Amino acid sequence: MVAQLQTIMDRVLIRLDEHKNKTAGGILLTDDAIPTRTVGVVESVGEDVRSVNIGDKVLFKVFDELPALEDDLVVVRERSLLGKIKD
């Protein structure tokens, strides 16, 4: 069972998209060649966050994230968000 994390202030908890181990052309990537993931779905927002809601798919700045309880969860400040992604 995974503990729940409620973010505070201007923090956003994001579940990252899954690793892609293949390029669009079908080339397999090694672990060293897999790009940093900067897209994910918002799981929790702090009380000061106004620009996104839970469930939004977002893009955030590379290296602005902090690891959270699981490998696929990160916490970023709202100002690190670059935009919402519409599917």
N, C-alpha and C. Protein backbone atom coordinates (compact mmCIF):
# COMPACT_ATOMS: atom_id res chain seq x y z
N MET A 1 0.84 -1.19 0.00
CA MET A 1 0.00 0.00 0.00
C MET A 1 0.88 1.25 0.00
N VAL A 2 0.56 2.19 -0.82
CA VAL A 2 1.33 3.42 -0.96
C VAL A 2 0.69 4.50 -0.09
N ALA A 3 1.51 5.23 0.64
CA ALA A 3 1.01 6.33 1.46
C ALA A 3 0.53 7.46 0.56
N GLN A 4 -0.46 8.19 1.01
CA GLN A 4 -0.98 9.33 0.27
C GLN A 4 -0.19 10.57 0.64
N LEU A 5 0.11 11.40 -0.33
CA LEU A 5 0.83 12.64 -0.09
C LEU A 5 -0.05 13.79 -0.53
N GLN A 6 -0.40 14.66 0.40
CA GLN A 6 -1.16 15.87 0.09
C GLN A 6 -0.16 17.01 0.00
N THR A 7 -0.04 17.60 -1.17
CA THR A 7 0.90 18.70 -1.34
C THR A 7 0.38 19.96 -0.65
N ILE A 8 1.30 20.88 -0.33
CA ILE A 8 0.94 22.11 0.35
C ILE A 8 1.46 23.31 -0.44
N MET A 9 0.96 24.47 -0.08
CA MET A 9 1.37 25.76 -0.65
C MET A 9 1.29 25.73 -2.18
N ASP A 10 2.40 26.01 -2.87
CA ASP A 10 2.38 26.10 -4.34
C ASP A 10 2.94 24.84 -5.00
N ARG A 11 2.88 23.71 -4.30
CA ARG A 11 3.45 22.46 -4.82
C ARG A 11 2.39 21.64 -5.57
N VAL A 12 2.88 20.90 -6.58
CA VAL A 12 2.03 20.04 -7.40
C VAL A 12 2.66 18.66 -7.44
N LEU A 13 1.89 17.63 -7.13
CA LEU A 13 2.34 16.24 -7.20
C LEU A 13 1.94 15.69 -8.56
N ILE A 14 2.92 15.15 -9.29
CA ILE A 14 2.69 14.69 -10.67
C ILE A 14 3.10 13.23 -10.79
N ARG A 15 2.22 12.43 -11.41
CA ARG A 15 2.55 11.04 -11.77
C ARG A 15 3.07 11.08 -13.20
N LEU A 16 4.34 10.71 -13.37
CA LEU A 16 5.00 10.78 -14.67
C LEU A 16 4.43 9.78 -15.66
N ASP A 17 4.46 10.18 -16.95
CA ASP A 17 4.12 9.23 -18.02
C ASP A 17 5.11 8.09 -17.99
N GLU A 18 4.72 6.95 -18.51
CA GLU A 18 5.61 5.78 -18.47
C GLU A 18 6.84 5.98 -19.35
N HIS A 19 7.90 5.25 -19.00
CA HIS A 19 9.14 5.30 -19.78
C HIS A 19 8.87 4.83 -21.21
N LYS A 20 9.48 5.50 -22.15
CA LYS A 20 9.43 5.04 -23.54
C LYS A 20 10.78 4.43 -23.85
N ASN A 21 10.79 3.15 -24.18
CA ASN A 21 12.06 2.50 -24.47
C ASN A 21 12.25 2.26 -25.97
N LYS A 22 11.40 2.92 -26.78
CA LYS A 22 11.47 2.83 -28.24
C LYS A 22 11.22 4.20 -28.83
N THR A 23 11.92 4.52 -29.90
CA THR A 23 11.65 5.76 -30.61
C THR A 23 10.44 5.56 -31.51
N ALA A 24 9.96 6.66 -32.11
CA ALA A 24 8.82 6.58 -33.03
C ALA A 24 9.16 5.69 -34.22
N GLY A 25 10.44 5.63 -34.59
CA GLY A 25 10.87 4.80 -35.71
C GLY A 25 11.12 3.35 -35.34
N GLY A 26 10.97 2.99 -34.05
CA GLY A 26 11.11 1.61 -33.62
C GLY A 26 12.48 1.24 -33.08
N ILE A 27 13.37 2.20 -32.92
CA ILE A 27 14.71 1.92 -32.40
C ILE A 27 14.63 1.76 -30.89
N LEU A 28 15.19 0.66 -30.37
CA LEU A 28 15.20 0.43 -28.92
C LEU A 28 16.24 1.32 -28.26
N LEU A 29 15.89 1.89 -27.12
CA LEU A 29 16.78 2.78 -26.38
C LEU A 29 17.36 2.06 -25.17
N THR A 30 18.63 2.33 -24.88
CA THR A 30 19.23 1.80 -23.65
C THR A 30 18.79 2.69 -22.49
N ASP A 31 19.02 2.24 -21.27
CA ASP A 31 18.64 3.03 -20.11
C ASP A 31 19.32 4.39 -20.10
N ASP A 32 20.55 4.47 -20.58
CA ASP A 32 21.27 5.74 -20.62
C ASP A 32 20.70 6.71 -21.64
N ALA A 33 20.03 6.20 -22.66
CA ALA A 33 19.53 7.04 -23.75
C ALA A 33 18.08 7.48 -23.54
N ILE A 34 17.43 6.97 -22.52
CA ILE A 34 16.03 7.33 -22.28
C ILE A 34 15.98 8.78 -21.80
N PRO A 35 15.21 9.63 -22.48
CA PRO A 35 15.15 11.04 -22.10
C PRO A 35 14.45 11.24 -20.74
N THR A 36 14.76 12.36 -20.11
CA THR A 36 14.12 12.72 -18.85
C THR A 36 12.63 12.95 -19.09
N ARG A 37 11.82 12.39 -18.22
CA ARG A 37 10.37 12.55 -18.38
C ARG A 37 9.93 13.88 -17.78
N THR A 38 9.23 14.67 -18.56
CA THR A 38 8.76 15.98 -18.12
C THR A 38 7.27 16.17 -18.36
N VAL A 39 6.56 15.06 -18.55
CA VAL A 39 5.11 15.09 -18.76
C VAL A 39 4.47 14.14 -17.76
N GLY A 40 3.34 14.55 -17.21
CA GLY A 40 2.64 13.67 -16.28
C GLY A 40 1.26 14.21 -15.95
N VAL A 41 0.56 13.49 -15.08
CA VAL A 41 -0.79 13.83 -14.68
C VAL A 41 -0.77 14.31 -13.23
N VAL A 42 -1.47 15.41 -12.98
CA VAL A 42 -1.52 15.99 -11.64
C VAL A 42 -2.31 15.08 -10.71
N GLU A 43 -1.69 14.71 -9.59
CA GLU A 43 -2.32 13.84 -8.59
C GLU A 43 -2.82 14.63 -7.39
N SER A 44 -2.14 15.73 -7.06
CA SER A 44 -2.49 16.53 -5.88
C SER A 44 -1.98 17.95 -6.09
N VAL A 45 -2.72 18.93 -5.58
CA VAL A 45 -2.29 20.33 -5.67
C VAL A 45 -2.37 20.98 -4.29
N GLY A 46 -1.44 21.89 -4.02
CA GLY A 46 -1.46 22.65 -2.78
C GLY A 46 -2.54 23.72 -2.81
N GLU A 47 -2.81 24.30 -1.66
CA GLU A 47 -3.90 25.28 -1.54
C GLU A 47 -3.64 26.57 -2.30
N ASP A 48 -2.39 26.88 -2.63
CA ASP A 48 -2.07 28.11 -3.36
C ASP A 48 -2.02 27.93 -4.87
N VAL A 49 -2.20 26.72 -5.37
CA VAL A 49 -2.12 26.44 -6.81
C VAL A 49 -3.44 26.84 -7.47
N ARG A 50 -3.34 27.64 -8.51
CA ARG A 50 -4.54 28.14 -9.20
C ARG A 50 -4.63 27.71 -10.67
N SER A 51 -3.51 27.32 -11.26
CA SER A 51 -3.48 27.13 -12.71
C SER A 51 -3.81 25.71 -13.18
N VAL A 52 -3.73 24.73 -12.30
CA VAL A 52 -4.02 23.35 -12.70
C VAL A 52 -4.90 22.67 -11.66
N ASN A 53 -5.55 21.60 -12.11
CA ASN A 53 -6.40 20.80 -11.23
C ASN A 53 -5.97 19.35 -11.28
N ILE A 54 -6.44 18.58 -10.32
CA ILE A 54 -6.17 17.15 -10.32
C ILE A 54 -6.70 16.54 -11.61
N GLY A 55 -5.88 15.71 -12.24
CA GLY A 55 -6.27 15.06 -13.49
C GLY A 55 -5.74 15.74 -14.74
N ASP A 56 -5.26 16.98 -14.62
CA ASP A 56 -4.69 17.68 -15.78
C ASP A 56 -3.37 17.03 -16.18
N LYS A 57 -3.13 16.94 -17.48
CA LYS A 57 -1.84 16.48 -17.99
C LYS A 57 -0.99 17.71 -18.21
N VAL A 58 0.23 17.71 -17.65
CA VAL A 58 1.06 18.91 -17.67
C VAL A 58 2.47 18.62 -18.16
N LEU A 59 3.12 19.68 -18.60
CA LEU A 59 4.53 19.68 -18.99
C LEU A 59 5.25 20.57 -17.98
N PHE A 60 6.40 20.10 -17.47
CA PHE A 60 7.15 20.90 -16.51
C PHE A 60 8.62 20.97 -16.88
N LYS A 61 9.34 21.91 -16.28
CA LYS A 61 10.76 22.13 -16.57
C LYS A 61 11.61 20.94 -16.14
N VAL A 62 12.58 20.62 -16.95
CA VAL A 62 13.53 19.55 -16.64
C VAL A 62 14.34 19.95 -15.41
N PHE A 63 14.57 19.01 -14.53
CA PHE A 63 15.39 19.16 -13.32
C PHE A 63 14.78 20.05 -12.24
N ASP A 64 13.53 20.46 -12.37
CA ASP A 64 12.87 21.23 -11.31
C ASP A 64 12.08 20.32 -10.37
N GLU A 65 12.07 19.02 -10.64
CA GLU A 65 11.25 18.11 -9.85
C GLU A 65 12.03 17.53 -8.68
N LEU A 66 11.30 17.18 -7.64
CA LEU A 66 11.86 16.48 -6.49
C LEU A 66 11.18 15.11 -6.40
N PRO A 67 11.92 14.06 -6.12
CA PRO A 67 11.30 12.73 -6.03
C PRO A 67 10.31 12.68 -4.88
N ALA A 68 9.28 11.87 -5.06
CA ALA A 68 8.27 11.66 -4.02
C ALA A 68 8.21 10.16 -3.70
N LEU A 69 7.21 9.73 -3.04
CA LEU A 69 7.09 8.40 -2.46
C LEU A 69 7.36 7.23 -3.40
N GLU A 70 7.11 7.39 -4.68
CA GLU A 70 7.31 6.33 -5.67
C GLU A 70 8.23 6.85 -6.78
N ASP A 71 8.77 5.93 -7.55
CA ASP A 71 9.65 6.31 -8.66
C ASP A 71 8.94 7.16 -9.70
N ASP A 72 7.65 6.94 -9.88
CA ASP A 72 6.90 7.65 -10.92
C ASP A 72 6.17 8.88 -10.40
N LEU A 73 6.47 9.32 -9.18
CA LEU A 73 5.86 10.53 -8.61
C LEU A 73 6.93 11.58 -8.37
N VAL A 74 6.62 12.83 -8.74
CA VAL A 74 7.51 13.95 -8.47
C VAL A 74 6.69 15.12 -7.94
N VAL A 75 7.37 16.01 -7.23
CA VAL A 75 6.74 17.24 -6.74
C VAL A 75 7.46 18.41 -7.39
N VAL A 76 6.67 19.36 -7.93
CA VAL A 76 7.24 20.58 -8.50
C VAL A 76 6.48 21.78 -7.96
N ARG A 77 7.10 22.94 -8.05
CA ARG A 77 6.39 24.19 -7.73
C ARG A 77 5.52 24.56 -8.91
N GLU A 78 4.46 25.28 -8.65
CA GLU A 78 3.56 25.68 -9.73
C GLU A 78 4.29 26.48 -10.80
N ARG A 79 5.26 27.29 -10.40
CA ARG A 79 5.98 28.11 -11.39
C ARG A 79 6.85 27.28 -12.33
N SER A 80 7.08 26.00 -12.01
CA SER A 80 7.86 25.12 -12.87
C SER A 80 7.00 24.49 -13.98
N LEU A 81 5.69 24.67 -13.88
CA LEU A 81 4.81 24.13 -14.91
C LEU A 81 4.88 24.99 -16.15
N LEU A 82 5.00 24.36 -17.31
CA LEU A 82 5.09 25.08 -18.57
C LEU A 82 3.76 25.15 -19.30
N GLY A 83 2.85 24.22 -19.00
CA GLY A 83 1.55 24.25 -19.63
C GLY A 83 0.78 22.97 -19.44
N LYS A 84 -0.51 23.03 -19.82
CA LYS A 84 -1.38 21.87 -19.81
C LYS A 84 -1.37 21.24 -21.20
N ILE A 85 -1.49 19.94 -21.25
CA ILE A 85 -1.51 19.22 -22.52
C ILE A 85 -2.93 18.75 -22.77
N LYS A 86 -3.47 19.12 -23.91
CA LYS A 86 -4.83 18.70 -24.30
C LYS A 86 -4.71 17.49 -25.21
N ASP A 87 -5.36 16.40 -24.84
CA ASP A 87 -5.31 15.18 -25.67
C ASP A 87 -6.32 15.23 -26.78
